Amino acid sequence: MKPAPFEYADPRTVDEAVALLGTHGDDAKVLAGGQSLVPMLALRLARPSVVIDVNRVAGLDGITQNGAQIAVGALVRQRALERWAAERAPLLTTALGHVGHAPIRTRGTVAGSIAHADPASELPALLLCLDGAVVARSGRGTRTIAAAEFFQGPLMTALAADELVTETRWTLPAAHTGWGFREMARRHGDFALVGVAVVLTLARGAVADARIALFGAAATPVRAGAAEQALRGHPPSDSALAEAARLATTGLETVSDIHAPAAYRASVTRTLTGRALADAAARAKDAA
């Protein structure tokens, strides 16, 4: 199937792109890497009247770091962040290795995957796990949207129709922090049936901070709040990790679809959480 007809816009500045979005709103789609948008156009799941290609907009393709904070421009490709993070944030590098295949990551953008908000995608969950945020610009100004408020449903976000994502912001794990990442997919490169990203920070032998982000299990990526709370202030013993894994699905409304029933997703979520927590605890002890 071919896309429905649309007009093509080729802005060269953020101001031009924002002005186009302000004019066309819901009738426009932004094209960056195109790994999500182009298939939707081809299947006519998206039928915009205007496609705004931002690939020649200057200033959106950099990664900057200020202490533990990093800013990733909207045109940074997934493969570029994967390589950048190799010596700085191995959790990102490991998780990005599960996003599609290398040719897809070479073209697909970090911000595009996050804005697409597929609940089975790795990057939205990673942004949530690392206390990240999305920076959006419109004719009304610039605002920063915390990851916890950004994802509102399958392919639904807090982004307004006239807003352009200009960067995403991430908080790298502190010292004495371990990480874990596990996912279940039918084949490598497929969207995950269920996945989990974990960071554990130790202080004096106890868990000072725990962040557990789940994806593929519910309608949005979510933090496993009950499991996180159960770990804080306690040594990461085998029994404590097992109890946290059991609590990972507390209050979670897991989804059913043609790929897996809700009960299966809940069971796998608990199993993967236990494994990711064990990985994170081992790495945290090595870092301490």
C-alpha atoms as a PDB file:
ATOM      1  CA  MET A   1       0.000   0.000   0.000  1.00  0.00           C
ATOM      2  CA  LYS A   2       1.187   3.524  -0.749  1.00  0.00           C
ATOM      3  CA  PRO A   3       0.811   6.563   1.525  1.00  0.00           C
ATOM      4  CA  ALA A   4      -2.091   8.927   1.023  1.00  0.00           C
ATOM      5  CA  PRO A   5      -1.084  12.182  -0.703  1.00  0.00           C
ATOM      6  CA  PHE A   6       0.536  14.836   1.483  1.00  0.00           C
ATOM      7  CA  GLU A   7       2.455  18.070   1.155  1.00  0.00           C
ATOM      8  CA  TYR A   8       6.140  18.076   2.065  1.00  0.00           C
ATOM      9  CA  ALA A   9       7.790  20.833   4.127  1.00  0.00           C
ATOM     10  CA  ASP A  10      11.548  21.194   4.557  1.00  0.00           C
ATOM     11  CA  PRO A  11      12.287  23.739   7.332  1.00  0.00           C
ATOM     12  CA  ARG A  12      15.874  24.718   8.161  1.00  0.00           C
ATOM     13  CA  THR A  13      15.352  26.187  11.651  1.00  0.00           C
ATOM     14  CA  VAL A  14      13.430  25.270  14.785  1.00  0.00           C
ATOM     15  CA  ASP A  15      11.401  28.466  14.412  1.00  0.00           C
ATOM     16  CA  GLU A  16      10.330  27.468  10.895  1.00  0.00           C
ATOM     17  CA  ALA A  17       9.359  23.961  12.017  1.00  0.00           C
ATOM     18  CA  VAL A  18       7.411  25.304  14.997  1.00  0.00           C
ATOM     19  CA  ALA A  19       5.605  27.807  12.767  1.00  0.00           C
ATOM     20  CA  LEU A  20       4.548  25.003  10.427  1.00  0.00           C
ATOM     21  CA  LEU A  21       3.243  22.964  13.343  1.00  0.00           C
ATOM     22  CA  GLY A  22       1.401  26.011  14.624  1.00  0.00           C
ATOM     23  CA  THR A  23      -0.294  26.400  11.245  1.00  0.00           C
ATOM     24  CA  HIS A  24      -1.172  22.765  10.561  1.00  0.00           C
ATOM     25  CA  GLY A  25      -1.484  21.214  14.056  1.00  0.00           C
ATOM     26  CA  ASP A  26      -3.109  17.781  13.988  1.00  0.00           C
ATOM     27  CA  ASP A  27      -2.914  17.698  10.178  1.00  0.00           C
ATOM     28  CA  ALA A  28       0.900  17.575  10.304  1.00  0.00           C
ATOM     29  CA  LYS A  29       3.421  14.867  11.169  1.00  0.00           C
ATOM     30  CA  VAL A  30       7.104  15.412  11.920  1.00  0.00           C
ATOM     31  CA  LEU A  31       9.603  13.283   9.999  1.00  0.00           C
ATOM     32  CA  ALA A  32      13.022  12.640  11.538  1.00  0.00           C
ATOM     33  CA  GLY A  33      14.298   9.052  11.326  1.00  0.00           C
ATOM     34  CA  GLY A  34      11.025   7.808   9.864  1.00  0.00           C
ATOM     35  CA  GLN A  35      11.296   4.304  11.343  1.00  0.00           C
ATOM     36  CA  SER A  36       7.878   4.654  12.983  1.00  0.00           C
ATOM     37  CA  LEU A  37       6.214   7.227  10.747  1.00  0.00           C
ATOM     38  CA  VAL A  38       6.987   5.783   7.307  1.00  0.00           C
ATOM     39  CA  PRO A  39       5.402   2.355   7.992  1.00  0.00           C
ATOM     40  CA  MET A  40       2.343   4.107   9.418  1.00  0.00           C
ATOM     41  CA  LEU A  41       2.121   6.263   6.287  1.00  0.00           C
ATOM     42  CA  ALA A  42       2.484   3.211   4.048  1.00  0.00           C
ATOM     43  CA  LEU A  43      -0.312   1.388   5.897  1.00  0.00           C
ATOM     44  CA  ARG A  44      -2.392   4.594   5.983  1.00  0.00           C
ATOM     45  CA  LEU A  45      -2.597   4.396   9.749  1.00  0.00           C
ATOM     46  CA  ALA A  46      -1.387   8.001   9.579  1.00  0.00           C
ATOM     47  CA  ARG A  47      -2.799  10.325   6.908  1.00  0.00           C
ATOM     48  CA  PRO A  48      -1.335  13.784   7.501  1.00  0.00           C
ATOM     49  CA  SER A  49      -1.922  16.589   5.042  1.00  0.00           C
ATOM     50  CA  VAL A  50       1.635  17.844   5.650  1.00  0.00           C
ATOM     51  CA  VAL A  51       4.861  16.016   6.520  1.00  0.00           C
ATOM     52  CA  ILE A  52       7.441  18.297   8.133  1.00  0.00           C
ATOM     53  CA  ASP A  53      10.954  16.955   7.541  1.00  0.00           C
ATOM     54  CA  VAL A  54      13.217  18.307  10.306  1.00  0.00           C
ATOM     55  CA  ASN A  55      16.393  16.528   9.222  1.00  0.00           C
ATOM     56  CA  ARG A  56      17.995  19.757   7.967  1.00  0.00           C
ATOM     57  CA  VAL A  57      17.115  21.792  11.047  1.00  0.00           C
ATOM     58  CA  ALA A  58      20.374  22.953  12.605  1.00  0.00           C
ATOM     59  CA  GLY A  59      21.310  22.387  16.229  1.00  0.00           C
ATOM     60  CA  LEU A  60      19.304  19.261  17.011  1.00  0.00           C
ATOM     61  CA  ASP A  61      21.950  16.581  16.484  1.00  0.00           C
ATOM     62  CA  GLY A  62      24.186  16.895  19.534  1.00  0.00           C
ATOM     63  CA  ILE A  63      24.711  15.084  22.840  1.00  0.00           C
ATOM     64  CA  THR A  64      25.903  17.249  25.725  1.00  0.00           C
ATOM     65  CA  GLN A  65      26.750  16.318  29.296  1.00  0.00           C
ATOM     66  CA  ASN A  66      26.766  18.466  32.424  1.00  0.00           C
ATOM     67  CA  GLY A  67      27.687  16.315  35.385  1.00  0.00           C
ATOM     68  CA  ALA A  68      25.123  13.526  35.649  1.00  0.00           C
ATOM     69  CA  GLN A  69      22.742  15.278  33.245  1.00  0.00           C
ATOM     70  CA  ILE A  70      22.792  14.627  29.501  1.00  0.00           C
ATOM     71  CA  ALA A  71      20.790  16.331  26.775  1.00  0.00           C
ATOM     72  CA  VAL A  72      20.150  14.381  23.573  1.00  0.00           C
ATOM     73  CA  GLY A  73      19.082  16.452  20.571  1.00  0.00           C
ATOM     74  CA  ALA A  74      15.971  15.470  18.657  1.00  0.00           C
ATOM     75  CA  LEU A  75      17.959  14.353  15.600  1.00  0.00           C
ATOM     76  CA  VAL A  76      20.441  12.156  17.485  1.00  0.00           C
ATOM     77  CA  ARG A  77      20.217   8.659  16.036  1.00  0.00           C
ATOM     78  CA  GLN A  78      19.804   5.686  18.312  1.00  0.00           C
ATOM     79  CA  ARG A  79      23.082   4.195  17.126  1.00  0.00           C
ATOM     80  CA  ALA A  80      24.912   7.432  17.978  1.00  0.00           C
ATOM     81  CA  LEU A  81      23.635   7.361  21.563  1.00  0.00           C
ATOM     82  CA  GLU A  82      24.420   3.650  21.791  1.00  0.00           C
ATOM     83  CA  ARG A  83      28.045   4.347  20.907  1.00  0.00           C
ATOM     84  CA  TRP A  84      28.305   7.492  23.051  1.00  0.00           C
ATOM     85  CA  ALA A  85      27.000   5.638  26.095  1.00  0.00           C
ATOM     86  CA  ALA A  86      29.339   2.653  25.767  1.00  0.00           C
ATOM     87  CA  GLU A  87      31.883   4.057  28.263  1.00  0.00           C
ATOM     88  CA  ARG A  88      29.485   6.298  30.166  1.00  0.00           C
ATOM     89  CA  ALA A  89      26.116   4.552  30.610  1.00  0.00           C
ATOM     90  CA  PRO A  90      26.226   0.818  29.830  1.00  0.00           C
ATOM     91  CA  LEU A  91      22.530   0.453  30.664  1.00  0.00           C
ATOM     92  CA  LEU A  92      21.690   2.652  27.668  1.00  0.00           C
ATOM     93  CA  THR A  93      24.085   0.814  25.380  1.00  0.00           C
ATOM     94  CA  THR A  94      22.776  -2.604  26.395  1.00  0.00           C
ATOM     95  CA  ALA A  95      19.115  -1.616  26.070  1.00  0.00           C
ATOM     96  CA  LEU A  96      19.614   0.154  22.743  1.00  0.00           C
ATOM     97  CA  GLY A  97      21.121  -3.052  21.384  1.00  0.00           C
ATOM     98  CA  HIS A  98      17.621  -4.528  21.645  1.00  0.00           C
ATOM     99  CA  VAL A  99      15.985  -1.758  19.576  1.00  0.00           C
ATOM    100  CA  GLY A 100      15.273  -3.248  16.152  1.00  0.00           C
ATOM    101  CA  HIS A 101      18.466  -3.956  14.226  1.00  0.00           C
ATOM    102  CA  ALA A 102      21.582  -1.872  13.585  1.00  0.00           C
ATOM    103  CA  PRO A 103      20.346  -0.370  10.267  1.00  0.00           C
ATOM    104  CA  ILE A 104      17.139   0.742  12.006  1.00  0.00           C
ATOM    105  CA  ARG A 105      19.079   2.287  14.904  1.00  0.00           C
ATOM    106  CA  THR A 106      21.388   4.032  12.445  1.00  0.00           C
ATOM    107  CA  ARG A 107      18.410   5.899  11.014  1.00  0.00           C
ATOM    108  CA  GLY A 108      15.895   5.988  13.880  1.00  0.00           C
ATOM    109  CA  THR A 109      16.090   8.869  16.356  1.00  0.00           C
ATOM    110  CA  VAL A 110      16.007   8.661  20.129  1.00  0.00           C
ATOM    111  CA  ALA A 111      13.406  11.416  20.392  1.00  0.00           C
ATOM    112  CA  GLY A 112      11.273   9.909  17.632  1.00  0.00           C
ATOM    113  CA  SER A 113      10.950   6.596  19.450  1.00  0.00           C
ATOM    114  CA  ILE A 114      10.056   8.371  22.685  1.00  0.00           C
ATOM    115  CA  ALA A 115       7.496  10.636  21.001  1.00  0.00           C
ATOM    116  CA  HIS A 116       5.968   7.623  19.229  1.00  0.00           C
ATOM    117  CA  ALA A 117       5.354   6.143  22.709  1.00  0.00           C
ATOM    118  CA  ASP A 118       4.905   2.502  21.805  1.00  0.00           C
ATOM    119  CA  PRO A 119       4.429   0.801  25.206  1.00  0.00           C
ATOM    120  CA  ALA A 120       6.628  -2.117  24.114  1.00  0.00           C
ATOM    121  CA  SER A 121       9.538   0.135  23.133  1.00  0.00           C
ATOM    122  CA  GLU A 122      12.750   0.248  25.148  1.00  0.00           C
ATOM    123  CA  LEU A 123      13.553   3.973  24.987  1.00  0.00           C
ATOM    124  CA  PRO A 124      10.414   5.312  26.712  1.00  0.00           C
ATOM    125  CA  ALA A 125      11.030   2.933  29.633  1.00  0.00           C
ATOM    126  CA  LEU A 126      14.675   3.944  29.817  1.00  0.00           C
ATOM    127  CA  LEU A 127      13.703   7.626  29.956  1.00  0.00           C
ATOM    128  CA  LEU A 128      11.336   6.781  32.803  1.00  0.00           C
ATOM    129  CA  CYS A 129      13.938   4.702  34.625  1.00  0.00           C
ATOM    130  CA  LEU A 130      16.569   7.447  34.404  1.00  0.00           C
ATOM    131  CA  ASP A 131      14.243  10.214  35.609  1.00  0.00           C
ATOM    132  CA  GLY A 132      14.293  11.808  32.172  1.00  0.00           C
ATOM    133  CA  ALA A 133      12.242  14.499  30.513  1.00  0.00           C
ATOM    134  CA  VAL A 134      11.177  15.733  27.084  1.00  0.00           C
ATOM    135  CA  VAL A 135      11.789  19.342  26.025  1.00  0.00           C
ATOM    136  CA  ALA A 136       9.134  20.657  23.630  1.00  0.00           C
ATOM    137  CA  ARG A 137       8.911  23.944  21.757  1.00  0.00           C
ATOM    138  CA  SER A 138       5.878  25.709  20.300  1.00  0.00           C
ATOM    139  CA  GLY A 139       4.824  29.224  19.431  1.00  0.00           C
ATOM    140  CA  ARG A 140       3.881  29.612  23.104  1.00  0.00           C
ATOM    141  CA  GLY A 141       7.432  28.925  24.274  1.00  0.00           C
ATOM    142  CA  THR A 142       9.450  25.975  25.595  1.00  0.00           C
ATOM    143  CA  ARG A 143       8.407  23.527  28.291  1.00  0.00           C
ATOM    144  CA  THR A 144       9.964  20.501  29.940  1.00  0.00           C
ATOM    145  CA  ILE A 145       7.730  17.458  30.462  1.00  0.00           C
ATOM    146  CA  ALA A 146       8.855  14.841  32.988  1.00  0.00           C
ATOM    147  CA  ALA A 147       8.841  11.286  31.664  1.00  0.00           C
ATOM    148  CA  ALA A 148       6.409  10.303  34.432  1.00  0.00           C
ATOM    149  CA  GLU A 149       3.869  12.739  32.929  1.00  0.00           C
ATOM    150  CA  PHE A 150       4.719  12.335  29.252  1.00  0.00           C
ATOM    151  CA  PHE A 151       3.339   8.870  28.441  1.00  0.00           C
ATOM    152  CA  GLN A 152      -0.461   8.790  28.603  1.00  0.00           C
ATOM    153  CA  GLY A 153      -1.478   5.684  26.652  1.00  0.00           C
ATOM    154  CA  PRO A 154      -0.486   3.525  23.683  1.00  0.00           C
ATOM    155  CA  LEU A 155       1.002   5.956  21.131  1.00  0.00           C
ATOM    156  CA  MET A 156      -0.367   8.831  23.258  1.00  0.00           C
ATOM    157  CA  THR A 157       1.717  11.524  24.974  1.00  0.00           C
ATOM    158  CA  ALA A 158       1.356  14.905  26.658  1.00  0.00           C
ATOM    159  CA  LEU A 159       2.849  16.542  23.560  1.00  0.00           C
ATOM    160  CA  ALA A 160       0.493  19.107  21.997  1.00  0.00           C
ATOM    161  CA  ALA A 161      -0.173  19.077  18.249  1.00  0.00           C
ATOM    162  CA  ASP A 162       1.790  22.304  17.750  1.00  0.00           C
ATOM    163  CA  GLU A 163       4.826  21.242  19.803  1.00  0.00           C
ATOM    164  CA  LEU A 164       8.165  20.053  18.456  1.00  0.00           C
ATOM    165  CA  VAL A 165      10.445  17.873  20.567  1.00  0.00           C
ATOM    166  CA  THR A 166      13.845  19.560  20.566  1.00  0.00           C
ATOM    167  CA  GLU A 167      15.697  17.285  23.002  1.00  0.00           C
ATOM    168  CA  THR A 168      15.383  14.644  25.676  1.00  0.00           C
ATOM    169  CA  ARG A 169      17.122  14.890  29.038  1.00  0.00           C
ATOM    170  CA  TRP A 170      18.449  12.016  31.109  1.00  0.00           C
ATOM    171  CA  THR A 171      20.029  11.584  34.550  1.00  0.00           C
ATOM    172  CA  LEU A 172      22.931   9.170  34.508  1.00  0.00           C
ATOM    173  CA  PRO A 173      23.170   6.769  37.474  1.00  0.00           C
ATOM    174  CA  ALA A 174      25.180   7.933  40.481  1.00  0.00           C
ATOM    175  CA  ALA A 175      28.312   6.267  41.824  1.00  0.00           C
ATOM    176  CA  HIS A 176      27.796   2.908  43.584  1.00  0.00           C
ATOM    177  CA  THR A 177      24.912   2.182  41.223  1.00  0.00           C
ATOM    178  CA  GLY A 178      24.290  -1.102  39.473  1.00  0.00           C
ATOM    179  CA  TRP A 179      21.997  -1.693  36.548  1.00  0.00           C
ATOM    180  CA  GLY A 180      20.053  -4.507  34.956  1.00  0.00           C
ATOM    181  CA  PHE A 181      18.128  -4.892  31.725  1.00  0.00           C
ATOM    182  CA  ARG A 182      16.073  -7.863  30.616  1.00  0.00           C
ATOM    183  CA  GLU A 183      13.413  -8.344  27.973  1.00  0.00           C
ATOM    184  CA  MET A 184      11.415 -11.132  26.379  1.00  0.00           C
ATOM    185  CA  ALA A 185      10.784 -10.929  22.637  1.00  0.00           C
ATOM    186  CA  ARG A 186       9.817 -13.530  20.064  1.00  0.00           C
ATOM    187  CA  ARG A 187      12.963 -12.751  18.059  1.00  0.00           C
ATOM    188  CA  HIS A 188      15.859 -10.372  18.566  1.00  0.00           C
ATOM    189  CA  GLY A 189      14.836  -7.003  17.172  1.00  0.00           C
ATOM    190  CA  ASP A 190      11.099  -7.553  17.673  1.00  0.00           C
ATOM    191  CA  PHE A 191       9.140  -5.376  20.046  1.00  0.00           C
ATOM    192  CA  ALA A 192       9.298  -6.783  23.551  1.00  0.00           C
ATOM    193  CA  LEU A 193       6.453  -8.820  24.978  1.00  0.00           C
ATOM    194  CA  VAL A 194       7.748  -7.656  28.364  1.00  0.00           C
ATOM    195  CA  GLY A 195      10.889  -5.873  29.509  1.00  0.00           C
ATOM    196  CA  VAL A 196      12.423  -4.265  32.588  1.00  0.00           C
ATOM    197  CA  ALA A 197      15.172  -1.733  33.266  1.00  0.00           C
ATOM    198  CA  VAL A 198      16.606  -1.404  36.775  1.00  0.00           C
ATOM    199  CA  VAL A 199      19.075   0.824  38.597  1.00  0.00           C
ATOM    200  CA  LEU A 200      20.067   0.207  42.237  1.00  0.00           C
ATOM    201  CA  THR A 201      22.230   2.578  44.260  1.00  0.00           C
ATOM    202  CA  LEU A 202      23.853   1.314  47.447  1.00  0.00           C
ATOM    203  CA  ALA A 203      24.983   3.260  50.501  1.00  0.00           C
ATOM    204  CA  ARG A 204      26.562   1.527  53.508  1.00  0.00           C
ATOM    205  CA  GLY A 205      25.399  -1.832  52.237  1.00  0.00           C
ATOM    206  CA  ALA A 206      21.729  -0.902  51.850  1.00  0.00           C
ATOM    207  CA  VAL A 207      19.654   0.221  48.884  1.00  0.00           C
ATOM    208  CA  ALA A 208      19.591   4.020  48.892  1.00  0.00           C
ATOM    209  CA  ASP A 209      17.667   4.314  45.629  1.00  0.00           C
ATOM    210  CA  ALA A 210      15.841   1.855  43.395  1.00  0.00           C
ATOM    211  CA  ARG A 211      14.255   2.517  40.033  1.00  0.00           C
ATOM    212  CA  ILE A 212      12.412  -0.224  38.162  1.00  0.00           C
ATOM    213  CA  ALA A 213      10.777   0.602  34.828  1.00  0.00           C
ATOM    214  CA  LEU A 214       8.563  -1.918  33.043  1.00  0.00           C
ATOM    215  CA  PHE A 215       7.629  -1.933  29.370  1.00  0.00           C
ATOM    216  CA  GLY A 216       5.432  -4.099  27.186  1.00  0.00           C
ATOM    217  CA  ALA A 217       3.357  -5.147  30.171  1.00  0.00           C
ATOM    218  CA  ALA A 218       0.869  -2.273  30.362  1.00  0.00           C
ATOM    219  CA  ALA A 219      -0.572   0.492  28.197  1.00  0.00           C
ATOM    220  CA  THR A 220       2.427   2.730  28.978  1.00  0.00           C
ATOM    221  CA  PRO A 221       5.884   2.226  30.450  1.00  0.00           C
ATOM    222  CA  VAL A 222       5.503   2.289  34.232  1.00  0.00           C
ATOM    223  CA  ARG A 223       7.617   2.371  37.367  1.00  0.00           C
ATOM    224  CA  ALA A 224       7.167  -0.528  39.790  1.00  0.00           C
ATOM    225  CA  GLY A 225       6.622   1.703  42.797  1.00  0.00           C
ATOM    226  CA  ALA A 226       5.772  -0.968  45.365  1.00  0.00           C
ATOM    227  CA  ALA A 227       8.885  -2.964  44.468  1.00  0.00           C
ATOM    228  CA  GLU A 228      11.082   0.142  44.621  1.00  0.00           C
ATOM    229  CA  GLN A 229       9.741   1.106  48.035  1.00  0.00           C
ATOM    230  CA  ALA A 230      10.250  -2.395  49.416  1.00  0.00           C
ATOM    231  CA  LEU A 231      13.952  -2.280  48.513  1.00  0.00           C
ATOM    232  CA  ARG A 232      14.885   1.163  49.847  1.00  0.00           C
ATOM    233  CA  GLY A 233      16.728   1.084  53.142  1.00  0.00           C
ATOM    234  CA  HIS A 234      17.366  -2.668  53.065  1.00  0.00           C
ATOM    235  CA  PRO A 235      20.394  -4.727  52.036  1.00  0.00           C
ATOM    236  CA  PRO A 236      19.922  -6.290  48.569  1.00  0.00           C
ATOM    237  CA  SER A 237      19.684  -9.848  49.883  1.00  0.00           C
ATOM    238  CA  ASP A 238      18.305 -12.670  47.772  1.00  0.00           C
ATOM    239  CA  SER A 239      15.093 -12.649  49.800  1.00  0.00           C
ATOM    240  CA  ALA A 240      14.681  -8.862  49.453  1.00  0.00           C
ATOM    241  CA  LEU A 241      15.174  -9.043  45.699  1.00  0.00           C
ATOM    242  CA  ALA A 242      12.721 -11.930  45.406  1.00  0.00           C
ATOM    243  CA  GLU A 243      10.096 -10.017  47.374  1.00  0.00           C
ATOM    244  CA  ALA A 244      10.609  -6.927  45.203  1.00  0.00           C
ATOM    245  CA  ALA A 245      10.187  -9.038  42.086  1.00  0.00           C
ATOM    246  CA  ARG A 246       6.939 -10.417  43.491  1.00  0.00           C
ATOM    247  CA  LEU A 247       5.716  -6.880  44.103  1.00  0.00           C
ATOM    248  CA  ALA A 248       6.651  -5.674  40.605  1.00  0.00           C
ATOM    249  CA  THR A 249       3.138  -6.184  39.262  1.00  0.00           C
ATOM    250  CA  THR A 250       1.314  -4.726  42.282  1.00  0.00           C
ATOM    251  CA  GLY A 251      -1.380  -2.427  40.941  1.00  0.00           C
ATOM    252  CA  LEU A 252      -0.303  -3.109  37.353  1.00  0.00           C
ATOM    253  CA  GLU A 253      -3.045  -3.639  34.790  1.00  0.00           C
ATOM    254  CA  THR A 254      -1.258  -5.920  32.339  1.00  0.00           C
ATOM    255  CA  VAL A 255      -2.530  -6.049  28.773  1.00  0.00           C
ATOM    256  CA  SER A 256      -3.698  -8.943  26.619  1.00  0.00           C
ATOM    257  CA  ASP A 257      -3.314  -9.087  22.856  1.00  0.00           C
ATOM    258  CA  ILE A 258      -2.693 -11.604  20.076  1.00  0.00           C
ATOM    259  CA  HIS A 259       0.899 -12.023  21.235  1.00  0.00           C
ATOM    260  CA  ALA A 260       0.370 -12.843  24.921  1.00  0.00           C
ATOM    261  CA  PRO A 261      -2.382 -12.877  27.574  1.00  0.00           C
ATOM    262  CA  ALA A 262      -2.236 -10.581  30.585  1.00  0.00           C
ATOM    263  CA  ALA A 263      -1.491 -13.395  33.046  1.00  0.00           C
ATOM    264  CA  TYR A 264       1.540 -14.477  31.021  1.00  0.00           C
ATOM    265  CA  ARG A 265       2.843 -10.923  30.856  1.00  0.00           C
ATOM    266  CA  ALA A 266       2.445 -10.518  34.615  1.00  0.00           C
ATOM    267  CA  SER A 267       4.314 -13.756  35.302  1.00  0.00           C
ATOM    268  CA  VAL A 268       7.165 -12.920  32.926  1.00  0.00           C
ATOM    269  CA  THR A 269       7.365  -9.390  34.354  1.00  0.00           C
ATOM    270  CA  ARG A 270       8.015 -10.788  37.827  1.00  0.00           C
ATOM    271  CA  THR A 271      10.599 -13.249  36.526  1.00  0.00           C
ATOM    272  CA  LEU A 272      12.495 -10.664  34.480  1.00  0.00           C
ATOM    273  CA  THR A 273      12.373  -8.149  37.324  1.00  0.00           C
ATOM    274  CA  GLY A 274      14.000 -10.680  39.628  1.00  0.00           C
ATOM    275  CA  ARG A 275      16.773 -11.344  37.125  1.00  0.00           C
ATOM    276  CA  ALA A 276      17.369  -7.663  36.378  1.00  0.00           C
ATOM    277  CA  LEU A 277      17.459  -6.866  40.102  1.00  0.00           C
ATOM    278  CA  ALA A 278      20.026  -9.610  40.682  1.00  0.00           C
ATOM    279  CA  ASP A 279      22.166  -8.215  37.870  1.00  0.00           C
ATOM    280  CA  ALA A 280      21.870  -4.688  39.256  1.00  0.00           C
ATOM    281  CA  ALA A 281      22.680  -5.755  42.826  1.00  0.00           C
ATOM    282  CA  ALA A 282      25.798  -7.621  41.698  1.00  0.00           C
ATOM    283  CA  ARG A 283      27.010  -4.618  39.708  1.00  0.00           C
ATOM    284  CA  ALA A 284      26.226  -2.221  42.565  1.00  0.00           C
ATOM    285  CA  LYS A 285      28.310  -4.326  44.970  1.00  0.00           C
ATOM    286  CA  ASP A 286      31.183  -4.339  42.487  1.00  0.00           C
ATOM    287  CA  ALA A 287      30.932  -0.534  42.181  1.00  0.00           C
ATOM    288  CA  ALA A 288      30.781   0.061  45.939  1.00  0.00           C
END
